[in-house]
Amino acid sequence: MSQFPTASPRAPGSRAPIETPDAACDAALDLSVLLVSYKTRDLTVSCIESVIEDLGELQAEILVADNHSQDGTVETLRERFPECTVIGQTENHGFGRAQNRLALAARGRRLLILNPDTEIQRGCLARLDRWLDEHPETALVGPKTLYPDGRVQDTAFRFPSLTGEFLTTSSLGLLLRKVPLLGAHLGLSGSPGHSGPVDYLQGSCLLCRREAFEQVDGFDESYFLFSEEVDLQRRLSDLGWSCDFVAEAQITHHHGKSMEQDPVRNYVELYQGKIRYFEPRLSPVQRHAVRLMWKIFHGSRWIVLAPIAALSGSKHWKLKAQKHGAVLTLLSSKGAATPRPQEEN
């Protein structure tokens, strides 16, 4: 049976320190499950329940950092799961920074970087853990991911590039994606049919070797919410590590629930992450080219959607126009390469 180390009791509402020295690795602990929550109380509860149900013989600890949700998440989790370590932060510092703090406190041999809007399917964790046992060249692994209705979600991709951005911001990419072999060759299909190495995996569920995570100093904390997992896996790849997709392991991902809380601001943060990723990896001319592609993409859509939103009065079309307009504003800003912390409501 799985076993959790019992966390020290904390007074309700107290803040556990997270800037602690590196925790000593406990060889008896197979996994440290690291969750960062932000206004996802009920989803986080379901996620933790699914983890506990799937652990089987694996020895694990669960650590949660709540990014100042103020929705009762911290109190609920401490009451429902006293065996877990729950850290209530007084500010929202973003995903990567919170994950790094959890990793510092973690004691497991491996780190499960998990989004709170996921549910682990039976046998998933054992299959991911076994894959790392059998593939010493692999730094991290991720499972096949399903939407709640059972559809397969794209989670395995090529590293971002000028060609990739052109294909994803043009109608050509949409057409080529429908050609099975060509779409797969160009990296337009993000759901491989078999297990094996990929460039990078979506960050909703990643089981990572502790030594690999520490070798690259974890997440780059200059990313606030998006692209930090792409950057992490790119740096691992640059050092010769492999990142692998494991089709036999499965999770359910309630994709988009966090985005729905503030869709315009989060859409802007998505492009903040893209800009931050490309900044050190492209020449000035290439950076100008990718920004131009983005401006054409979002500008053409804003020109069409803004009149539709104004004439129809529809909140749906207004939101779409606002998202494209907000990204255009970002791309016109000289300071766009530096992510901005989200303001708390």
Protein backbone atom coordinates (compact mmCIF):
# COMPACT_ATOMS: atom_id res chain seq x y z
CA MET A 1 0.00 0.00 0.00
CA SER A 2 1.10 3.56 -0.60
CA GLN A 3 2.25 5.57 2.37
CA PHE A 4 2.52 9.30 2.99
CA PRO A 5 4.81 10.94 5.53
CA THR A 6 2.61 12.97 7.85
CA ALA A 7 3.07 16.72 7.61
CA SER A 8 3.62 18.71 10.75
CA PRO A 9 0.36 20.30 11.91
CA ARG A 10 -0.04 24.00 11.14
CA ALA A 11 -2.39 26.52 12.63
CA PRO A 12 -5.23 27.48 10.27
CA GLY A 13 -4.24 30.43 8.11
CA SER A 14 -0.55 30.23 8.98
CA ARG A 15 1.97 30.54 6.18
CA ALA A 16 4.56 27.81 5.85
CA PRO A 17 7.99 29.02 4.79
CA ILE A 18 8.95 28.05 1.27
CA GLU A 19 12.39 29.60 0.95
CA THR A 20 14.05 26.70 2.72
CA PRO A 21 17.36 24.93 2.17
CA ASP A 22 17.36 21.99 -0.23
CA ALA A 23 15.54 19.05 1.36
CA ALA A 24 17.52 15.85 1.70
CA CYS A 25 16.39 13.15 -0.72
CA ASP A 26 14.65 10.27 1.05
CA ALA A 27 15.49 7.06 -0.83
CA ALA A 28 12.33 5.46 0.56
CA LEU A 29 10.14 8.04 -1.21
CA ASP A 30 9.55 7.25 -4.86
CA LEU A 31 7.69 10.43 -5.73
CA SER A 32 7.14 13.97 -4.59
CA VAL A 33 3.89 15.20 -6.13
CA LEU A 34 4.12 18.98 -6.70
CA LEU A 35 0.90 20.94 -7.24
CA VAL A 36 0.50 24.69 -7.74
CA SER A 37 -3.09 25.88 -7.37
CA TYR A 38 -4.76 29.18 -8.17
CA LYS A 39 -8.52 29.47 -7.64
CA THR A 40 -9.07 25.80 -8.49
CA ARG A 41 -10.16 24.46 -5.08
CA ASP A 42 -12.60 21.74 -6.21
CA LEU A 43 -10.42 20.61 -9.10
CA THR A 44 -7.41 20.42 -6.79
CA VAL A 45 -9.35 18.20 -4.37
CA SER A 46 -10.31 15.84 -7.21
CA CYS A 47 -6.73 15.82 -8.49
CA ILE A 48 -5.27 14.84 -5.12
CA GLU A 49 -7.90 12.13 -4.66
CA SER A 50 -6.97 10.64 -8.05
CA VAL A 51 -3.26 10.68 -7.15
CA ILE A 52 -3.86 8.89 -3.86
CA GLU A 53 -6.02 6.26 -5.56
CA ASP A 54 -3.36 5.53 -8.18
CA LEU A 55 -0.22 5.35 -6.04
CA GLY A 56 -0.47 1.64 -5.36
CA GLU A 57 2.92 0.47 -4.07
CA LEU A 58 4.63 3.76 -4.76
CA GLN A 59 5.79 5.69 -1.70
CA ALA A 60 4.98 9.37 -2.08
CA GLU A 61 4.46 12.77 -0.54
CA ILE A 62 2.15 15.47 -1.87
CA LEU A 63 3.07 19.16 -1.64
CA VAL A 64 0.74 21.97 -2.70
CA ALA A 65 1.59 25.64 -3.09
CA ASP A 66 -1.48 27.84 -3.35
CA ASN A 67 -0.79 31.12 -5.18
CA HIS A 68 -2.99 33.27 -2.96
CA SER A 69 -6.33 31.98 -4.29
CA GLN A 70 -8.37 33.41 -1.42
CA ASP A 71 -11.14 30.94 -2.22
CA GLY A 72 -10.71 28.58 0.74
CA THR A 73 -8.30 26.26 -1.09
CA VAL A 74 -5.69 26.21 1.68
CA GLU A 75 -8.20 25.56 4.47
CA THR A 76 -10.06 22.91 2.47
CA LEU A 77 -6.92 21.00 1.53
CA ARG A 78 -5.53 21.04 5.08
CA GLU A 79 -8.82 19.70 6.39
CA ARG A 80 -9.35 17.05 3.68
CA PHE A 81 -5.73 15.92 3.34
CA PRO A 82 -3.84 16.35 6.63
CA GLU A 83 -1.14 14.01 5.29
CA CYS A 84 -0.23 16.55 2.57
CA THR A 85 1.96 19.62 2.93
CA VAL A 86 -0.06 22.68 1.95
CA ILE A 87 1.70 26.02 1.58
CA GLY A 88 -0.44 29.15 1.46
CA GLN A 89 1.44 31.97 -0.24
CA THR A 90 0.63 35.64 0.31
CA GLU A 91 1.30 36.57 -3.34
CA ASN A 92 0.90 35.00 -6.76
CA HIS A 93 4.46 34.59 -8.00
CA GLY A 94 3.57 32.41 -10.97
CA PHE A 95 3.78 28.72 -11.73
CA GLY A 96 7.49 28.13 -12.22
CA ARG A 97 8.61 29.96 -9.10
CA ALA A 98 6.10 28.11 -6.94
CA GLN A 99 7.15 24.77 -8.44
CA ASN A 100 10.79 25.53 -7.70
CA ARG A 101 9.98 26.26 -4.05
CA LEU A 102 8.09 22.99 -3.77
CA ALA A 103 11.01 21.14 -5.37
CA LEU A 104 13.35 22.61 -2.76
CA ALA A 105 11.20 21.15 -0.01
CA ALA A 106 10.57 17.81 -1.78
CA ARG A 107 12.22 14.62 -0.55
CA GLY A 108 11.27 12.13 -3.27
CA ARG A 109 13.63 10.55 -5.80
CA ARG A 110 11.41 11.84 -8.60
CA LEU A 111 9.25 14.92 -8.99
CA LEU A 112 5.71 14.74 -10.39
CA ILE A 113 4.93 18.21 -11.75
CA LEU A 114 1.15 18.16 -11.89
CA ASN A 115 -1.57 20.66 -12.77
CA PRO A 116 -4.51 20.78 -10.35
CA ASP A 117 -7.03 20.50 -13.20
CA THR A 118 -5.95 16.94 -13.98
CA GLU A 119 -7.13 13.52 -12.82
CA ILE A 120 -4.77 10.55 -12.84
CA GLN A 121 -6.11 7.36 -14.41
CA ARG A 122 -5.42 3.98 -12.84
CA GLY A 123 -1.94 2.64 -13.50
CA CYS A 124 -0.62 5.93 -14.86
CA LEU A 125 1.97 6.70 -12.17
CA ALA A 126 3.41 3.19 -12.10
CA ARG A 127 3.80 3.18 -15.89
CA LEU A 128 5.53 6.57 -15.90
CA ASP A 129 7.83 5.52 -13.06
CA ARG A 130 8.67 2.24 -14.78
CA TRP A 131 9.53 4.05 -18.01
CA LEU A 132 12.16 6.12 -16.20
CA ASP A 133 13.54 2.94 -14.63
CA GLU A 134 13.93 1.39 -18.08
CA HIS A 135 15.25 4.48 -19.91
CA PRO A 136 18.19 6.04 -18.02
CA GLU A 137 18.70 8.62 -20.81
CA THR A 138 15.23 10.08 -20.20
CA ALA A 139 14.87 13.15 -17.98
CA LEU A 140 11.09 13.32 -17.84
CA VAL A 141 8.00 11.60 -19.15
CA GLY A 142 4.38 12.57 -19.74
CA PRO A 143 1.19 10.55 -20.34
CA LYS A 144 -1.48 10.41 -23.00
CA THR A 145 -3.95 13.12 -22.09
CA LEU A 146 -7.72 13.06 -22.58
CA TYR A 147 -10.37 15.75 -22.40
CA PRO A 148 -13.24 14.97 -19.99
CA ASP A 149 -15.35 13.77 -22.96
CA GLY A 150 -12.69 11.22 -23.92
CA ARG A 151 -11.15 13.05 -26.88
CA VAL A 152 -7.36 12.91 -27.10
CA GLN A 153 -5.62 16.18 -26.30
CA ASP A 154 -2.49 17.23 -28.17
CA THR A 155 0.37 17.26 -25.68
CA ALA A 156 3.58 16.35 -27.56
CA PHE A 157 5.15 18.95 -29.82
CA ARG A 158 8.21 20.15 -31.73
CA PHE A 159 10.21 22.93 -30.12
CA PRO A 160 8.95 26.38 -31.19
CA SER A 161 10.55 27.77 -34.34
CA LEU A 162 9.97 30.35 -37.05
CA THR A 163 8.60 27.66 -39.35
CA GLY A 164 6.34 26.32 -36.64
CA GLU A 165 4.95 29.76 -35.85
CA PHE A 166 4.30 30.39 -39.55
CA LEU A 167 2.39 27.13 -39.87
CA THR A 168 0.31 27.69 -36.74
CA THR A 169 -0.59 31.29 -37.63
CA SER A 170 -1.55 30.57 -41.24
CA SER A 171 -4.27 28.63 -43.01
CA LEU A 172 -1.53 26.49 -44.55
CA GLY A 173 -0.85 24.87 -41.21
CA LEU A 174 -4.52 23.99 -40.76
CA LEU A 175 -4.58 22.31 -44.18
CA LEU A 176 -1.30 20.42 -43.77
CA ARG A 177 -2.35 19.13 -40.36
CA LYS A 178 -5.15 17.16 -42.02
CA VAL A 179 -2.64 15.23 -44.16
CA PRO A 180 -1.70 12.40 -41.73
CA LEU A 181 1.92 11.65 -42.65
CA LEU A 182 2.83 15.20 -43.63
CA GLY A 183 1.19 16.70 -40.55
CA ALA A 184 3.11 14.33 -38.28
CA HIS A 185 6.39 15.01 -40.12
CA LEU A 186 5.98 18.76 -39.69
CA GLY A 187 5.11 18.38 -36.01
CA LEU A 188 1.56 19.67 -36.45
CA SER A 189 0.03 16.62 -34.80
CA GLY A 190 0.53 16.63 -31.03
CA SER A 191 -0.84 13.21 -30.11
CA PRO A 192 1.64 10.44 -31.05
CA GLY A 193 0.24 6.96 -31.50
CA HIS A 194 3.11 5.27 -29.67
CA SER A 195 5.53 5.86 -26.81
CA GLY A 196 8.93 7.40 -27.38
CA PRO A 197 11.03 10.58 -27.44
CA VAL A 198 9.48 13.92 -28.43
CA ASP A 199 10.82 17.47 -28.37
CA TYR A 200 8.62 18.62 -25.51
CA LEU A 201 5.46 17.74 -23.62
CA GLN A 202 2.68 19.92 -22.32
CA GLY A 203 3.32 20.61 -18.65
CA SER A 204 0.05 19.30 -17.19
CA CYS A 205 1.69 16.07 -15.95
CA LEU A 206 5.44 15.50 -16.02
CA LEU A 207 7.37 12.94 -14.01
CA CYS A 208 10.94 14.21 -13.81
CA ARG A 209 14.18 12.77 -12.49
CA ARG A 210 15.21 14.86 -9.54
CA GLU A 211 18.84 14.95 -10.69
CA ALA A 212 17.84 16.22 -14.16
CA PHE A 213 15.60 18.93 -12.70
CA GLU A 214 18.38 20.08 -10.39
CA GLN A 215 20.99 19.94 -13.15
CA VAL A 216 19.19 22.73 -15.03
CA ASP A 217 18.21 24.58 -11.81
CA GLY A 218 14.52 23.87 -12.32
CA PHE A 219 12.14 26.30 -13.98
CA ASP A 220 13.28 29.69 -15.22
CA GLU A 221 11.36 31.99 -12.87
CA SER A 222 11.24 34.83 -15.37
CA TYR A 223 8.32 32.96 -16.96
CA PHE A 224 5.09 33.67 -15.15
CA LEU A 225 2.53 31.20 -16.44
CA PHE A 226 3.20 29.83 -19.96
CA SER A 227 6.15 28.30 -21.87
CA GLU A 228 8.15 27.58 -18.71
CA GLU A 229 7.83 23.83 -19.37
CA VAL A 230 8.97 24.29 -22.99
CA ASP A 231 12.04 26.19 -21.82
CA LEU A 232 12.78 23.55 -19.15
CA GLN A 233 12.66 20.71 -21.66
CA ARG A 234 14.69 22.64 -24.21
CA ARG A 235 17.46 23.14 -21.66
CA LEU A 236 17.33 19.45 -20.74
CA SER A 237 17.53 18.52 -24.42
CA ASP A 238 20.52 20.82 -24.90
CA LEU A 239 22.33 18.76 -22.24
CA GLY A 240 21.54 15.48 -24.02
CA TRP A 241 18.51 14.36 -21.98
CA SER A 242 15.45 12.85 -23.66
CA CYS A 243 11.83 13.79 -22.94
CA ASP A 244 9.45 10.92 -23.65
CA PHE A 245 5.74 10.45 -24.31
CA VAL A 246 4.24 7.34 -22.68
CA ALA A 247 1.06 6.36 -24.51
CA GLU A 248 0.20 3.57 -22.05
CA ALA A 249 -0.22 6.03 -19.18
CA GLN A 250 -3.30 8.26 -19.17
CA ILE A 251 -4.73 11.28 -17.40
CA THR A 252 -7.83 13.43 -17.84
CA HIS A 253 -7.19 17.16 -18.22
CA HIS A 254 -9.92 19.75 -17.62
CA HIS A 255 -8.11 21.97 -20.08
CA GLY A 256 -8.85 25.69 -20.02
CA LYS A 257 -10.45 25.96 -16.57
CA SER A 258 -7.71 28.27 -15.31
CA MET A 259 -7.75 30.27 -18.54
CA GLU A 260 -11.49 30.89 -18.12
CA GLN A 261 -10.91 32.89 -14.92
CA ASP A 262 -9.46 35.83 -16.87
CA PRO A 263 -9.24 34.84 -20.56
CA VAL A 264 -7.92 38.14 -21.94
CA ARG A 265 -5.14 38.55 -19.38
CA ASN A 266 -4.16 34.89 -19.63
CA TYR A 267 -4.09 35.05 -23.43
CA VAL A 268 -1.64 37.94 -23.12
CA GLU A 269 0.44 35.91 -20.65
CA LEU A 270 0.52 33.10 -23.22
CA TYR A 271 2.30 35.44 -25.63
CA GLN A 272 4.50 36.84 -22.88
CA GLY A 273 5.79 33.29 -22.46
CA LYS A 274 6.34 32.86 -26.20
CA ILE A 275 8.26 36.13 -26.41
CA ARG A 276 10.39 35.18 -23.39
CA TYR A 277 11.19 31.79 -24.97
CA PHE A 278 12.27 33.24 -28.31
CA GLU A 279 14.17 36.23 -26.90
CA PRO A 280 17.52 34.44 -26.23
CA ARG A 281 17.13 31.90 -29.04
CA LEU A 282 16.51 34.03 -32.15
CA SER A 283 18.51 36.73 -33.86
CA PRO A 284 17.07 40.28 -33.93
CA VAL A 285 15.92 39.74 -37.52
CA GLN A 286 14.22 36.46 -36.62
CA ARG A 287 12.55 38.03 -33.58
CA HIS A 288 11.23 40.82 -35.79
CA ALA A 289 9.91 38.22 -38.26
CA VAL A 290 8.04 36.22 -35.66
CA ARG A 291 6.50 39.36 -34.16
CA LEU A 292 5.42 40.44 -37.64
CA MET A 293 3.72 37.06 -38.19
CA TRP A 294 1.91 37.40 -34.87
CA LYS A 295 0.83 40.97 -35.67
CA ILE A 296 -0.59 39.89 -39.04
CA PHE A 297 -2.38 36.94 -37.46
CA HIS A 298 -3.98 38.86 -34.60
CA GLY A 299 -4.48 42.06 -36.58
CA SER A 300 -6.41 40.33 -39.36
CA ARG A 301 -8.65 38.64 -36.83
CA TRP A 302 -9.23 41.81 -34.81
CA ILE A 303 -10.22 43.72 -37.96
CA VAL A 304 -12.88 41.10 -38.68
CA LEU A 305 -14.06 40.45 -35.12
CA ALA A 306 -14.24 43.99 -33.73
CA PRO A 307 -17.08 45.11 -36.07
CA ILE A 308 -18.93 41.83 -35.53
CA ALA A 309 -18.70 42.34 -31.74
CA ALA A 310 -19.88 45.94 -32.00
CA LEU A 311 -22.81 45.17 -34.29
CA SER A 312 -23.99 41.99 -32.58
CA GLY A 313 -23.43 43.03 -28.98
CA SER A 314 -22.44 39.42 -28.34
CA LYS A 315 -20.17 38.81 -25.33
CA HIS A 316 -18.65 35.85 -27.18
CA TRP A 317 -17.44 37.93 -30.14
CA LYS A 318 -16.47 40.83 -27.88
CA LEU A 319 -14.21 38.54 -25.86
CA LYS A 320 -12.57 37.16 -28.99
CA ALA A 321 -11.92 40.67 -30.30
CA GLN A 322 -10.55 41.78 -26.92
CA LYS A 323 -8.08 38.88 -26.82
CA HIS A 324 -6.65 39.65 -30.25
CA GLY A 325 -6.57 43.38 -29.51
CA ALA A 326 -4.77 42.80 -26.20
CA VAL A 327 -2.06 40.75 -27.90
CA LEU A 328 -1.62 43.44 -30.55
CA THR A 329 -1.09 45.97 -27.77
CA LEU A 330 1.46 43.67 -26.15
CA LEU A 331 3.36 43.20 -29.41
CA SER A 332 3.55 46.97 -29.85
CA SER A 333 5.03 47.43 -26.38
CA LYS A 334 8.81 47.81 -26.04
CA GLY A 335 8.71 46.01 -22.69
CA ALA A 336 6.82 43.01 -24.02
CA ALA A 337 9.71 40.60 -23.45
CA THR A 338 9.53 40.94 -19.69
CA PRO A 339 6.64 38.99 -18.09
CA ARG A 340 4.49 40.97 -15.68
CA PRO A 341 3.12 39.46 -12.47
CA GLN A 342 -0.63 39.22 -12.46
CA GLU A 343 -2.43 41.67 -10.24
CA GLU A 344 -4.64 40.12 -7.64
CA ASN A 345 -8.34 40.84 -7.82
